[in-house]
Amino acid sequence: MTFAEETHNPLVPPVYDLVWSVVAVLVVVAVVVVVVLVVRRARRAPGRRHEQRLAELDDLHARGVISDDEHREARAEVLRG
């Protein structure tokens, strides 16, 4: 008698073990996908993106790459969303 024969319930068809294994894998994959999507959404939060863009514009202006008018217009555009 093998280990599988000793531990398998004769009232449950063997295919059920396969089905439950597939279901378990699908649940794990679904959880991983949800976590990845939540992390991506958090990274793309509007406040953080706006802060970064405003800091970039301030840096460009401070280095003289863009003029006062360009800086003012670009900041207004970022703040409008």
Protein backbone atom coordinates (compact mmCIF):
# COMPACT_ATOMS: atom_id res chain seq x y z
CA MET A 1 0.00 0.00 0.00
CA THR A 2 1.42 3.41 -0.98
CA PHE A 3 1.25 6.65 0.95
CA ALA A 4 -1.42 8.05 -1.42
CA GLU A 5 -3.61 5.02 -0.87
CA GLU A 6 -3.24 5.30 2.88
CA THR A 7 -4.19 8.99 3.06
CA HIS A 8 -6.83 9.19 0.35
CA ASN A 9 -10.46 9.00 1.40
CA PRO A 10 -12.13 6.34 -0.80
CA LEU A 11 -15.42 8.26 -0.75
CA VAL A 12 -13.85 11.32 -2.44
CA PRO A 13 -12.92 10.99 -6.12
CA PRO A 14 -9.18 11.58 -6.74
CA VAL A 15 -9.94 14.40 -9.18
CA TYR A 16 -11.19 16.49 -6.26
CA ASP A 17 -7.63 16.76 -4.97
CA LEU A 18 -6.58 18.21 -8.31
CA VAL A 19 -9.55 20.60 -8.40
CA TRP A 20 -8.84 21.92 -4.91
CA SER A 21 -5.17 22.34 -5.75
CA VAL A 22 -6.07 24.40 -8.81
CA VAL A 23 -8.53 26.47 -6.77
CA ALA A 24 -5.85 27.14 -4.14
CA VAL A 25 -3.37 28.27 -6.80
CA LEU A 26 -5.98 30.56 -8.39
CA VAL A 27 -6.76 32.14 -5.02
CA VAL A 28 -3.06 32.80 -4.38
CA VAL A 29 -2.64 34.30 -7.86
CA ALA A 30 -5.72 36.51 -7.34
CA VAL A 31 -4.38 37.79 -4.02
CA VAL A 32 -0.99 38.59 -5.58
CA VAL A 33 -2.67 40.44 -8.47
CA VAL A 34 -4.79 42.51 -6.09
CA VAL A 35 -1.74 43.41 -3.99
CA VAL A 36 0.20 44.45 -7.10
CA LEU A 37 -2.70 46.61 -8.33
CA VAL A 38 -3.09 48.30 -4.93
CA VAL A 39 0.64 49.06 -4.75
CA ARG A 40 0.66 50.48 -8.29
CA ARG A 41 -2.36 52.65 -7.53
CA ALA A 42 -0.73 53.92 -4.35
CA ARG A 43 2.42 54.83 -6.25
CA ARG A 44 0.40 56.79 -8.78
CA ALA A 45 -1.43 58.81 -6.14
CA PRO A 46 -2.23 62.26 -7.55
CA GLY A 47 -0.78 64.20 -4.62
CA ARG A 48 2.62 62.58 -4.91
CA ARG A 49 2.71 62.97 -8.68
CA HIS A 50 1.79 66.66 -8.41
CA GLU A 51 4.39 67.26 -5.73
CA GLN A 52 7.09 65.69 -7.88
CA ARG A 53 6.13 67.68 -10.96
CA LEU A 54 6.00 70.96 -9.00
CA ALA A 55 9.44 70.24 -7.52
CA GLU A 56 10.79 69.54 -11.02
CA LEU A 57 9.34 72.80 -12.31
CA ASP A 58 10.81 74.75 -9.38
CA ASP A 59 14.20 73.18 -10.07
CA LEU A 60 14.04 74.03 -13.77
CA HIS A 61 13.08 77.60 -12.91
CA ALA A 62 15.85 77.94 -10.31
CA ARG A 63 18.43 76.74 -12.86
CA GLY A 64 17.13 79.21 -15.43
CA VAL A 65 15.97 76.55 -17.86
CA ILE A 66 12.44 77.97 -17.99
CA SER A 67 11.30 81.56 -17.68
CA ASP A 68 9.05 83.07 -15.02
CA ASP A 69 6.05 82.94 -17.37
CA GLU A 70 6.71 79.32 -18.37
CA HIS A 71 7.11 78.38 -14.71
CA ARG A 72 3.88 80.10 -13.72
CA GLU A 73 1.91 78.53 -16.59
CA ALA A 74 3.31 75.05 -16.00
CA ARG A 75 2.54 75.22 -12.26
CA ALA A 76 -1.01 76.34 -12.98
CA GLU A 77 -1.45 73.44 -15.41
CA VAL A 78 -0.18 70.91 -12.86
CA LEU A 79 -2.47 72.30 -10.17
CA ARG A 80 -5.48 72.14 -12.51
CA GLY A 81 -4.78 68.44 -12.89
